[in-house]
């Protein structure tokens, strides 16, 4: 199920958010919430929407390098999700 990849990415980010204090942790939690919401929708996000989330995650790691491992894991899951949708 492709939405499970979104849910898994959300879970990875939520776990990382609990380990990181401050703004970066808050931003990870926000992305986790948004991906969880997307996973629960009847119709999943398109390539552009997922790419925007991936860019936001990249921006977070620029500010908080300790988030890199979790963001990389989430990005792998998001890329796997993107392989299941049509388009670009």
PDB file of N, CA and C in Angstrom:
ATOM      1  N   UNK A   1       0.852  -1.171   0.000  1.00  0.00           N
ATOM      2  CA  UNK A   1       0.000   0.000   0.000  1.00  0.00           C
ATOM      3  C   UNK A   1       0.903   1.240   0.000  1.00  0.00           C
ATOM      4  N   UNK A   2       0.739   2.092  -0.982  1.00  0.00           N
ATOM      5  CA  UNK A   2       1.630   3.241  -1.125  1.00  0.00           C
ATOM      6  C   UNK A   2       1.463   4.264  -0.006  1.00  0.00           C
ATOM      7  N   UNK A   3       0.254   4.406   0.510  1.00  0.00           N
ATOM      8  CA  UNK A   3       0.066   5.372   1.594  1.00  0.00           C
ATOM      9  C   UNK A   3       0.815   4.950   2.857  1.00  0.00           C
ATOM     10  N   UNK A   4       1.138   3.667   2.963  1.00  0.00           N
ATOM     11  CA  UNK A   4       1.910   3.198   4.109  1.00  0.00           C
ATOM     12  C   UNK A   4       3.307   3.800   4.104  1.00  0.00           C
ATOM     13  N   UNK A   5       3.866   4.051   2.933  1.00  0.00           N
ATOM     14  CA  UNK A   5       5.185   4.695   2.842  1.00  0.00           C
ATOM     15  C   UNK A   5       5.122   6.100   3.428  1.00  0.00           C
ATOM     16  N   UNK A   6       4.037   6.807   3.166  1.00  0.00           N
ATOM     17  CA  UNK A   6       3.858   8.139   3.740  1.00  0.00           C
ATOM     18  C   UNK A   6       3.725   8.054   5.255  1.00  0.00           C
ATOM     19  N   UNK A   7       2.960   7.080   5.717  1.00  0.00           N
ATOM     20  CA  UNK A   7       2.774   6.881   7.154  1.00  0.00           C
ATOM     21  C   UNK A   7       4.110   6.542   7.816  1.00  0.00           C
ATOM     22  N   UNK A   8       4.889   5.673   7.176  1.00  0.00           N
ATOM     23  CA  UNK A   8       6.191   5.292   7.731  1.00  0.00           C
ATOM     24  C   UNK A   8       7.136   6.491   7.797  1.00  0.00           C
ATOM     25  N   UNK A   9       7.134   7.313   6.752  1.00  0.00           N
ATOM     26  CA  UNK A   9       7.966   8.519   6.751  1.00  0.00           C
ATOM     27  C   UNK A   9       7.531   9.452   7.880  1.00  0.00           C
ATOM     28  N   UNK A  10       6.244   9.581   8.077  1.00  0.00           N
ATOM     29  CA  UNK A  10       5.720  10.400   9.156  1.00  0.00           C
ATOM     30  C   UNK A  10       6.207   9.883  10.508  1.00  0.00           C
ATOM     31  N   UNK A  11       6.165   8.573  10.699  1.00  0.00           N
ATOM     32  CA  UNK A  11       6.598   7.972  11.959  1.00  0.00           C
ATOM     33  C   UNK A  11       8.085   8.207  12.218  1.00  0.00           C
ATOM     34  N   UNK A  12       8.895   8.081  11.181  1.00  0.00           N
ATOM     35  CA  UNK A  12      10.337   8.312  11.316  1.00  0.00           C
ATOM     36  C   UNK A  12      10.600   9.746  11.748  1.00  0.00           C
ATOM     37  N   UNK A  13       9.924  10.679  11.108  1.00  0.00           N
ATOM     38  CA  UNK A  13      10.128  12.093  11.440  1.00  0.00           C
ATOM     39  C   UNK A  13       9.615  12.424  12.833  1.00  0.00           C
ATOM     40  N   UNK A  14       8.505  11.841  13.214  1.00  0.00           N
ATOM     41  CA  UNK A  14       7.953  12.097  14.550  1.00  0.00           C
ATOM     42  C   UNK A  14       8.915  11.598  15.629  1.00  0.00           C
ATOM     43  N   UNK A  15       9.484  10.431  15.417  1.00  0.00           N
ATOM     44  CA  UNK A  15      10.447   9.902  16.382  1.00  0.00           C
ATOM     45  C   UNK A  15      11.675  10.812  16.470  1.00  0.00           C
ATOM     46  N   UNK A  16      12.158  11.274  15.328  1.00  0.00           N
ATOM     47  CA  UNK A  16      13.318  12.172  15.324  1.00  0.00           C
ATOM     48  C   UNK A  16      12.982  13.490  16.004  1.00  0.00           C
ATOM     49  N   UNK A  17      11.776  13.966  15.804  1.00  0.00           N
ATOM     50  CA  UNK A  17      11.367  15.249  16.396  1.00  0.00           C
ATOM     51  C   UNK A  17      11.414  15.200  17.914  1.00  0.00           C
ATOM     52  N   UNK A  18      11.126  14.052  18.484  1.00  0.00           N
ATOM     53  CA  UNK A  18      11.155  13.943  19.948  1.00  0.00           C
ATOM     54  C   UNK A  18      12.575  13.990  20.499  1.00  0.00           C
ATOM     55  N   UNK A  19      13.554  13.673  19.651  1.00  0.00           N
ATOM     56  CA  UNK A  19      14.951  13.651  20.090  1.00  0.00           C
ATOM     57  C   UNK A  19      15.679  14.968  19.833  1.00  0.00           C
ATOM     58  N   UNK A  20      15.050  15.870  19.101  1.00  0.00           N
ATOM     59  CA  UNK A  20      15.696  17.132  18.731  1.00  0.00           C
ATOM     60  C   UNK A  20      14.921  18.284  19.344  1.00  0.00           C
ATOM     61  N   UNK A  21      15.620  19.091  20.102  1.00  0.00           N
ATOM     62  CA  UNK A  21      14.997  20.240  20.756  1.00  0.00           C
ATOM     63  C   UNK A  21      14.898  21.431  19.810  1.00  0.00           C
ATOM     64  N   UNK A  22      14.041  22.346  20.165  1.00  0.00           N
ATOM     65  CA  UNK A  22      13.980  23.631  19.494  1.00  0.00           C
ATOM     66  C   UNK A  22      13.219  23.630  18.192  1.00  0.00           C
ATOM     67  N   UNK A  23      13.533  24.620  17.382  1.00  0.00           N
ATOM     68  CA  UNK A  23      12.833  24.876  16.135  1.00  0.00           C
ATOM     69  C   UNK A  23      12.904  23.695  15.166  1.00  0.00           C
ATOM     70  N   UNK A  24      14.065  23.059  15.059  1.00  0.00           N
ATOM     71  CA  UNK A  24      14.201  21.938  14.126  1.00  0.00           C
ATOM     72  C   UNK A  24      13.287  20.786  14.530  1.00  0.00           C
ATOM     73  N   UNK A  25      13.186  20.500  15.812  1.00  0.00           N
ATOM     74  CA  UNK A  25      12.279  19.456  16.277  1.00  0.00           C
ATOM     75  C   UNK A  25      10.833  19.795  15.978  1.00  0.00           C
ATOM     76  N   UNK A  26      10.484  21.057  16.169  1.00  0.00           N
ATOM     77  CA  UNK A  26       9.124  21.510  15.859  1.00  0.00           C
ATOM     78  C   UNK A  26       8.834  21.373  14.367  1.00  0.00           C
ATOM     79  N   UNK A  27       9.808  21.729  13.551  1.00  0.00           N
ATOM     80  CA  UNK A  27       9.626  21.635  12.094  1.00  0.00           C
ATOM     81  C   UNK A  27       9.505  20.177  11.642  1.00  0.00           C
ATOM     82  N   UNK A  28      10.282  19.289  12.249  1.00  0.00           N
ATOM     83  CA  UNK A  28      10.151  17.867  11.925  1.00  0.00           C
ATOM     84  C   UNK A  28       8.776  17.348  12.322  1.00  0.00           C
ATOM     85  N   UNK A  29       8.301  17.744  13.495  1.00  0.00           N
ATOM     86  CA  UNK A  29       6.977  17.322  13.943  1.00  0.00           C
ATOM     87  C   UNK A  29       5.890  17.829  12.994  1.00  0.00           C
ATOM     88  N   UNK A  30       6.053  19.061  12.522  1.00  0.00           N
ATOM     89  CA  UNK A  30       5.080  19.619  11.580  1.00  0.00           C
ATOM     90  C   UNK A  30       5.060  18.816  10.279  1.00  0.00           C
ATOM     91  N   UNK A  31       6.230  18.473   9.766  1.00  0.00           N
ATOM     92  CA  UNK A  31       6.279  17.672   8.545  1.00  0.00           C
ATOM     93  C   UNK A  31       5.702  16.276   8.790  1.00  0.00           C
ATOM     94  N   UNK A  32       5.969  15.717   9.962  1.00  0.00           N
ATOM     95  CA  UNK A  32       5.398  14.415  10.304  1.00  0.00           C
ATOM     96  C   UNK A  32       3.872  14.482  10.290  1.00  0.00           C
ATOM     97  N   UNK A  33       3.321  15.542  10.882  1.00  0.00           N
ATOM     98  CA  UNK A  33       1.867  15.725  10.898  1.00  0.00           C
ATOM     99  C   UNK A  33       1.314  15.840   9.482  1.00  0.00           C
ATOM    100  N   UNK A  34       1.978  16.621   8.669  1.00  0.00           N
ATOM    101  CA  UNK A  34       1.481  16.832   7.296  1.00  0.00           C
ATOM    102  C   UNK A  34       1.533  15.543   6.477  1.00  0.00           C
ATOM    103  N   UNK A  35       2.623  14.791   6.619  1.00  0.00           N
ATOM    104  CA  UNK A  35       2.703  13.527   5.884  1.00  0.00           C
ATOM    105  C   UNK A  35       1.667  12.527   6.396  1.00  0.00           C
ATOM    106  N   UNK A  36       1.427  12.526   7.697  1.00  0.00           N
ATOM    107  CA  UNK A  36       0.394  11.661   8.250  1.00  0.00           C
ATOM    108  C   UNK A  36      -0.981  12.000   7.702  1.00  0.00           C
ATOM    109  N   UNK A  37      -1.253  13.296   7.580  1.00  0.00           N
ATOM    110  CA  UNK A  37      -2.526  13.738   7.009  1.00  0.00           C
ATOM    111  C   UNK A  37      -2.649  13.298   5.557  1.00  0.00           C
ATOM    112  N   UNK A  38      -1.562  13.434   4.801  1.00  0.00           N
ATOM    113  CA  UNK A  38      -1.580  13.001   3.403  1.00  0.00           C
ATOM    114  C   UNK A  38      -1.806  11.496   3.289  1.00  0.00           C
ATOM    115  N   UNK A  39      -1.234  10.737   4.209  1.00  0.00           N
ATOM    116  CA  UNK A  39      -1.392   9.276   4.192  1.00  0.00           C
ATOM    117  C   UNK A  39      -2.835   8.871   4.444  1.00  0.00           C
ATOM    118  N   UNK A  40      -3.569   9.683   5.201  1.00  0.00           N
ATOM    119  CA  UNK A  40      -4.947   9.362   5.558  1.00  0.00           C
ATOM    120  C   UNK A  40      -5.973   9.774   4.498  1.00  0.00           C
ATOM    121  N   UNK A  41      -5.541  10.548   3.531  1.00  0.00           N
ATOM    122  CA  UNK A  41      -6.475  11.008   2.493  1.00  0.00           C
ATOM    123  C   UNK A  41      -6.825   9.867   1.540  1.00  0.00           C
ATOM    124  N   UNK A  42      -7.979   9.980   0.908  1.00  0.00           N
ATOM    125  CA  UNK A  42      -8.402   8.976  -0.072  1.00  0.00           C
ATOM    126  C   UNK A  42      -7.478   8.968  -1.287  1.00  0.00           C
ATOM    127  N   UNK A  43      -7.037  10.146  -1.652  1.00  0.00           N
ATOM    128  CA  UNK A  43      -6.144  10.272  -2.808  1.00  0.00           C
ATOM    129  C   UNK A  43      -4.822  10.830  -2.318  1.00  0.00           C
ATOM    130  N   UNK A  44      -3.742  10.128  -2.637  1.00  0.00           N
ATOM    131  CA  UNK A  44      -2.428  10.536  -2.174  1.00  0.00           C
ATOM    132  C   UNK A  44      -1.902  11.759  -2.915  1.00  0.00           C
ATOM    133  N   UNK A  45      -0.833  12.328  -2.402  1.00  0.00           N
ATOM    134  CA  UNK A  45      -0.257  13.522  -3.008  1.00  0.00           C
ATOM    135  C   UNK A  45       0.432  13.206  -4.332  1.00  0.00           C
ATOM    136  N   UNK A  46       0.575  14.240  -5.157  1.00  0.00           N
ATOM    137  CA  UNK A  46       1.278  14.081  -6.423  1.00  0.00           C
ATOM    138  C   UNK A  46       2.779  14.314  -6.221  1.00  0.00           C
ATOM    139  N   UNK A  47       3.526  14.159  -7.307  1.00  0.00           N
ATOM    140  CA  UNK A  47       4.979  14.318  -7.244  1.00  0.00           C
ATOM    141  C   UNK A  47       5.392  15.683  -6.695  1.00  0.00           C
ATOM    142  N   UNK A  48       4.739  16.722  -7.138  1.00  0.00           N
ATOM    143  CA  UNK A  48       5.098  18.071  -6.724  1.00  0.00           C
ATOM    144  C   UNK A  48       4.915  18.284  -5.233  1.00  0.00           C
ATOM    145  N   UNK A  49       3.839  17.776  -4.703  1.00  0.00           N
ATOM    146  CA  UNK A  49       3.578  17.917  -3.271  1.00  0.00           C
ATOM    147  C   UNK A  49       4.647  17.198  -2.457  1.00  0.00           C
ATOM    148  N   UNK A  50       4.975  15.991  -2.860  1.00  0.00           N
ATOM    149  CA  UNK A  50       5.993  15.225  -2.140  1.00  0.00           C
ATOM    150  C   UNK A  50       7.349  15.921  -2.272  1.00  0.00           C
ATOM    151  N   UNK A  51       7.655  16.429  -3.451  1.00  0.00           N
ATOM    152  CA  UNK A  51       8.927  17.128  -3.661  1.00  0.00           C
ATOM    153  C   UNK A  51       9.045  18.357  -2.756  1.00  0.00           C
ATOM    154  N   UNK A  52       7.946  19.061  -2.558  1.00  0.00           N
ATOM    155  CA  UNK A  52       7.973  20.222  -1.661  1.00  0.00           C
ATOM    156  C   UNK A  52       8.269  19.796  -0.221  1.00  0.00           C
ATOM    157  N   UNK A  53       7.702  18.703   0.191  1.00  0.00           N
ATOM    158  CA  UNK A  53       7.990  18.192   1.533  1.00  0.00           C
ATOM    159  C   UNK A  53       9.450  17.770   1.639  1.00  0.00           C
ATOM    160  N   UNK A  54       9.958  17.143   0.598  1.00  0.00           N
ATOM    161  CA  UNK A  54      11.357  16.729   0.619  1.00  0.00           C
ATOM    162  C   UNK A  54      12.289  17.939   0.685  1.00  0.00           C
ATOM    163  N   UNK A  55      11.936  19.009   0.025  1.00  0.00           N
ATOM    164  CA  UNK A  55      12.753  20.221   0.085  1.00  0.00           C
ATOM    165  C   UNK A  55      12.729  20.812   1.490  1.00  0.00           C
ATOM    166  N   UNK A  56      11.571  20.808   2.110  1.00  0.00           N
ATOM    167  CA  UNK A  56      11.485  21.318   3.484  1.00  0.00           C
ATOM    168  C   UNK A  56      12.338  20.479   4.424  1.00  0.00           C
ATOM    169  N   UNK A  57      12.355  19.178   4.209  1.00  0.00           N
ATOM    170  CA  UNK A  57      13.198  18.312   5.032  1.00  0.00           C
ATOM    171  C   UNK A  57      14.679  18.612   4.802  1.00  0.00           C
ATOM    172  N   UNK A  58      15.026  18.852   3.569  1.00  0.00           N
ATOM    173  CA  UNK A  58      16.417  19.215   3.255  1.00  0.00           C
ATOM    174  C   UNK A  58      16.799  20.512   3.964  1.00  0.00           C
ATOM    175  N   UNK A  59      15.892  21.458   3.983  1.00  0.00           N
ATOM    176  CA  UNK A  59      16.144  22.727   4.670  1.00  0.00           C
ATOM    177  C   UNK A  59      16.339  22.511   6.173  1.00  0.00           C
ATOM    178  N   UNK A  60      15.585  21.598   6.749  1.00  0.00           N
ATOM    179  CA  UNK A  60      15.717  21.316   8.177  1.00  0.00           C
ATOM    180  C   UNK A  60      17.103  20.757   8.472  1.00  0.00           C
ATOM    181  N   UNK A  61      17.589  19.851   7.635  1.00  0.00           N
ATOM    182  CA  UNK A  61      18.910  19.273   7.896  1.00  0.00           C
ATOM    183  C   UNK A  61      20.019  20.301   7.736  1.00  0.00           C
ATOM    184  N   UNK A  62      19.788  21.317   6.922  1.00  0.00           N
ATOM    185  CA  UNK A  62      20.782  22.384   6.793  1.00  0.00           C
ATOM    186  C   UNK A  62      20.918  23.138   8.114  1.00  0.00           C
ATOM    187  N   UNK A  63      19.807  23.279   8.829  1.00  0.00           N
ATOM    188  CA  UNK A  63      19.809  23.972  10.116  1.00  0.00           C
ATOM    189  C   UNK A  63      20.154  23.043  11.277  1.00  0.00           C
ATOM    190  N   UNK A  64      19.857  21.769  11.131  1.00  0.00           N
ATOM    191  CA  UNK A  64      20.048  20.810  12.221  1.00  0.00           C
ATOM    192  C   UNK A  64      20.626  19.508  11.660  1.00  0.00           C
ATOM    193  N   UNK A  65      21.956  19.429  11.516  1.00  0.00           N
ATOM    194  CA  UNK A  65      22.580  18.246  10.922  1.00  0.00           C
ATOM    195  C   UNK A  65      22.290  16.939  11.656  1.00  0.00           C
ATOM    196  N   UNK A  66      21.956  16.996  12.946  1.00  0.00           N
ATOM    197  CA  UNK A  66      21.656  15.760  13.663  1.00  0.00           C
ATOM    198  C   UNK A  66      20.383  15.085  13.156  1.00  0.00           C
ATOM    199  N   UNK A  67      19.586  15.800  12.375  1.00  0.00           N
ATOM    200  CA  UNK A  67      18.356  15.237  11.816  1.00  0.00           C
ATOM    201  C   UNK A  67      18.610  14.492  10.506  1.00  0.00           C
ATOM    202  N   UNK A  68      19.845  14.520  10.027  1.00  0.00           N
ATOM    203  CA  UNK A  68      20.149  13.992   8.693  1.00  0.00           C
ATOM    204  C   UNK A  68      19.758  12.532   8.523  1.00  0.00           C
ATOM    205  N   UNK A  69      20.092  11.674   9.471  1.00  0.00           N
ATOM    206  CA  UNK A  69      19.782  10.248   9.316  1.00  0.00           C
ATOM    207  C   UNK A  69      18.278  10.010   9.192  1.00  0.00           C
ATOM    208  N   UNK A  70      17.507  10.651  10.049  1.00  0.00           N
ATOM    209  CA  UNK A  70      16.052  10.482  10.004  1.00  0.00           C
ATOM    210  C   UNK A  70      15.477  11.052   8.714  1.00  0.00           C
ATOM    211  N   UNK A  71      15.977  12.204   8.305  1.00  0.00           N
ATOM    212  CA  UNK A  71      15.481  12.815   7.065  1.00  0.00           C
ATOM    213  C   UNK A  71      15.839  11.940   5.864  1.00  0.00           C
ATOM    214  N   UNK A  72      17.030  11.381   5.855  1.00  0.00           N
ATOM    215  CA  UNK A  72      17.405  10.488   4.749  1.00  0.00           C
ATOM    216  C   UNK A  72      16.504   9.265   4.698  1.00  0.00           C
ATOM    217  N   UNK A  73      16.191   8.706   5.859  1.00  0.00           N
ATOM    218  CA  UNK A  73      15.292   7.553   5.911  1.00  0.00           C
ATOM    219  C   UNK A  73      13.899   7.941   5.414  1.00  0.00           C
ATOM    220  N   UNK A  74      13.406   9.071   5.863  1.00  0.00           N
ATOM    221  CA  UNK A  74      12.096   9.541   5.406  1.00  0.00           C
ATOM    222  C   UNK A  74      12.113   9.815   3.902  1.00  0.00           C
ATOM    223  N   UNK A  75      13.180  10.409   3.406  1.00  0.00           N
ATOM    224  CA  UNK A  75      13.277  10.669   1.971  1.00  0.00           C
ATOM    225  C   UNK A  75      13.285   9.378   1.164  1.00  0.00           C
ATOM    226  N   UNK A  76      13.953   8.342   1.658  1.00  0.00           N
ATOM    227  CA  UNK A  76      13.930   7.048   0.972  1.00  0.00           C
ATOM    228  C   UNK A  76      12.499   6.523   0.876  1.00  0.00           C
ATOM    229  N   UNK A  77      11.750   6.657   1.961  1.00  0.00           N
ATOM    230  CA  UNK A  77      10.351   6.222   1.955  1.00  0.00           C
ATOM    231  C   UNK A  77       9.511   7.073   1.009  1.00  0.00           C
ATOM    232  N   UNK A  78       9.762   8.370   0.992  1.00  0.00           N
ATOM    233  CA  UNK A  78       9.014   9.250   0.088  1.00  0.00           C
ATOM    234  C   UNK A  78       9.351   8.949  -1.366  1.00  0.00           C
ATOM    235  N   UNK A  79      10.606   8.641  -1.649  1.00  0.00           N
ATOM    236  CA  UNK A  79      10.979   8.255  -3.013  1.00  0.00           C
ATOM    237  C   UNK A  79      10.298   6.949  -3.408  1.00  0.00           C
ATOM    238  N   UNK A  80      10.213   6.011  -2.471  1.00  0.00           N
ATOM    239  CA  UNK A  80       9.515   4.755  -2.744  1.00  0.00           C
ATOM    240  C   UNK A  80       8.035   5.024  -3.028  1.00  0.00           C
ATOM    241  N   UNK A  81       7.447   5.940  -2.276  1.00  0.00           N
ATOM    242  CA  UNK A  81       6.059   6.321  -2.541  1.00  0.00           C
ATOM    243  C   UNK A  81       5.937   6.903  -3.948  1.00  0.00           C
ATOM    244  N   UNK A  82       6.854   7.796  -4.301  1.00  0.00           N
ATOM    245  CA  UNK A  82       6.780   8.464  -5.600  1.00  0.00           C
ATOM    246  C   UNK A  82       6.871   7.471  -6.755  1.00  0.00           C
ATOM    247  N   UNK A  83       7.542   6.348  -6.538  1.00  0.00           N
ATOM    248  CA  UNK A  83       7.632   5.327  -7.585  1.00  0.00           C
ATOM    249  C   UNK A  83       6.282   4.678  -7.871  1.00  0.00           C
ATOM    250  N   UNK A  84       5.338   4.834  -6.955  1.00  0.00           N
ATOM    251  CA  UNK A  84       4.035   4.197  -7.121  1.00  0.00           C
ATOM    252  C   UNK A  84       3.008   5.108  -7.804  1.00  0.00           C
ATOM    253  N   UNK A  85       3.369   6.360  -8.055  1.00  0.00           N
ATOM    254  CA  UNK A  85       2.399   7.263  -8.660  1.00  0.00           C
ATOM    255  C   UNK A  85       2.810   7.626 -10.082  1.00  0.00           C
ATOM    256  N   UNK A  86       1.811   7.904 -10.879  1.00  0.00           N
ATOM    257  CA  UNK A  86       2.058   8.247 -12.275  1.00  0.00           C
ATOM    258  C   UNK A  86       2.553   9.670 -12.397  1.00  0.00           C
ATOM    259  N   UNK A  87       3.123   9.970 -13.508  1.00  0.00           N
ATOM    260  CA  UNK A  87       3.553  11.335 -13.769  1.00  0.00           C
ATOM    261  C   UNK A  87       5.060  11.410 -13.922  1.00  0.00           C
ATOM    262  N   UNK A  88       5.563  12.578 -13.642  1.00  0.00           N
ATOM    263  CA  UNK A  88       6.974  12.906 -13.847  1.00  0.00           C
ATOM    264  C   UNK A  88       7.887  11.891 -13.329  1.00  0.00           C
TER     265      UNK A  88
END
